[in-house]
C-alpha atoms as a PDB file:
ATOM      1  CA  MET A   1     -25.930 -10.103 170.180  1.00  0.00           C
ATOM      2  CA  ASN A   2     -25.217 -11.856 166.914  1.00  0.00           C
ATOM      3  CA  GLU A   3     -26.447 -10.965 163.456  1.00  0.00           C
ATOM      4  CA  VAL A   4     -29.246 -13.545 163.416  1.00  0.00           C
ATOM      5  CA  GLU A   5     -30.672 -12.259 166.722  1.00  0.00           C
ATOM      6  CA  GLU A   6     -30.561  -8.700 165.368  1.00  0.00           C
ATOM      7  CA  LEU A   7     -32.449  -9.774 162.253  1.00  0.00           C
ATOM      8  CA  HIS A   8     -35.054 -11.583 164.354  1.00  0.00           C
ATOM      9  CA  ARG A   9     -35.614  -8.409 166.402  1.00  0.00           C
ATOM     10  CA  GLU A  10     -35.873  -6.351 163.233  1.00  0.00           C
ATOM     11  CA  ILE A  11     -38.466  -8.729 161.796  1.00  0.00           C
ATOM     12  CA  GLU A  12     -40.468  -8.635 165.032  1.00  0.00           C
ATOM     13  CA  GLY A  13     -40.503  -4.834 164.799  1.00  0.00           C
ATOM     14  CA  ASN A  14     -41.533  -5.022 161.159  1.00  0.00           C
ATOM     15  CA  GLU A  15     -44.273  -7.509 162.059  1.00  0.00           C
ATOM     16  CA  GLN A  16     -45.755  -5.021 164.524  1.00  0.00           C
ATOM     17  CA  ILE A  17     -45.618  -2.225 161.941  1.00  0.00           C
ATOM     18  CA  TYR A  18     -47.110  -4.571 159.340  1.00  0.00           C
ATOM     19  CA  GLU A  19     -50.027  -5.451 161.611  1.00  0.00           C
ATOM     20  CA  LYS A  20     -50.727  -1.770 162.345  1.00  0.00           C
ATOM     21  CA  MET A  21     -50.597  -0.861 158.668  1.00  0.00           C
ATOM     22  CA  GLU A  22     -52.779  -3.812 157.728  1.00  0.00           C
ATOM     23  CA  THR A  23     -55.515  -2.557 160.032  1.00  0.00           C
ATOM     24  CA  LYS A  24     -55.333   0.861 158.373  1.00  0.00           C
ATOM     25  CA  SER A  25     -55.714  -0.904 154.997  1.00  0.00           C
ATOM     26  CA  ASP A  26     -53.366   1.258 152.946  1.00  0.00           C
ATOM     27  CA  PRO A  27     -52.702  -1.225 150.128  1.00  0.00           C
ATOM     28  CA  LYS A  28     -49.474   0.431 148.935  1.00  0.00           C
ATOM     29  CA  LYS A  29     -47.922   0.466 152.398  1.00  0.00           C
ATOM     30  CA  VAL A  30     -49.083  -3.068 153.184  1.00  0.00           C
ATOM     31  CA  GLU A  31     -47.539  -4.243 149.893  1.00  0.00           C
ATOM     32  CA  GLU A  32     -44.283  -2.404 150.634  1.00  0.00           C
ATOM     33  CA  LEU A  33     -44.071  -3.874 154.142  1.00  0.00           C
ATOM     34  CA  THR A  34     -44.852  -7.335 152.789  1.00  0.00           C
ATOM     35  CA  LYS A  35     -41.911  -7.024 150.381  1.00  0.00           C
ATOM     36  CA  LEU A  36     -39.639  -5.908 153.243  1.00  0.00           C
ATOM     37  CA  ARG A  37     -40.846  -8.813 155.346  1.00  0.00           C
ATOM     38  CA  VAL A  38     -40.110 -11.335 152.589  1.00  0.00           C
ATOM     39  CA  GLU A  39     -36.667  -9.804 152.016  1.00  0.00           C
ATOM     40  CA  ALA A  40     -35.855  -9.968 155.744  1.00  0.00           C
ATOM     41  CA  ILE A  41     -36.902 -13.626 155.880  1.00  0.00           C
ATOM     42  CA  LYS A  42     -34.682 -14.406 152.867  1.00  0.00           C
ATOM     43  CA  VAL A  43     -31.723 -12.754 154.619  1.00  0.00           C
ATOM     44  CA  ILE A  44     -32.315 -14.725 157.808  1.00  0.00           C
ATOM     45  CA  TYR A  45     -32.510 -18.028 155.947  1.00  0.00           C
ATOM     46  CA  SER A  46     -29.381 -17.281 153.918  1.00  0.00           C
ATOM     47  CA  ASN A  47     -27.534 -16.416 157.155  1.00  0.00           C
ATOM     48  CA  LEU A  48     -28.760 -19.592 158.838  1.00  0.00           C
ATOM     49  CA  ILE A  49     -27.567 -21.651 155.872  1.00  0.00           C
ATOM     50  CA  GLU A  50     -24.111 -20.036 156.196  1.00  0.00           C
ATOM     51  CA  LEU A  51     -23.970 -21.060 159.862  1.00  0.00           C
END
């Protein structure tokens, strides 16, 4: 498995966590997970650009 596939799996996992947290409506945790999500997307795009 290459790095991009690993990152996609990690984001999918984070998406599931994000959705669960969103339903619990803990604003701090939702904000934290949103930041992680954005950071993961930035990493994926920078890796895709390098390819």
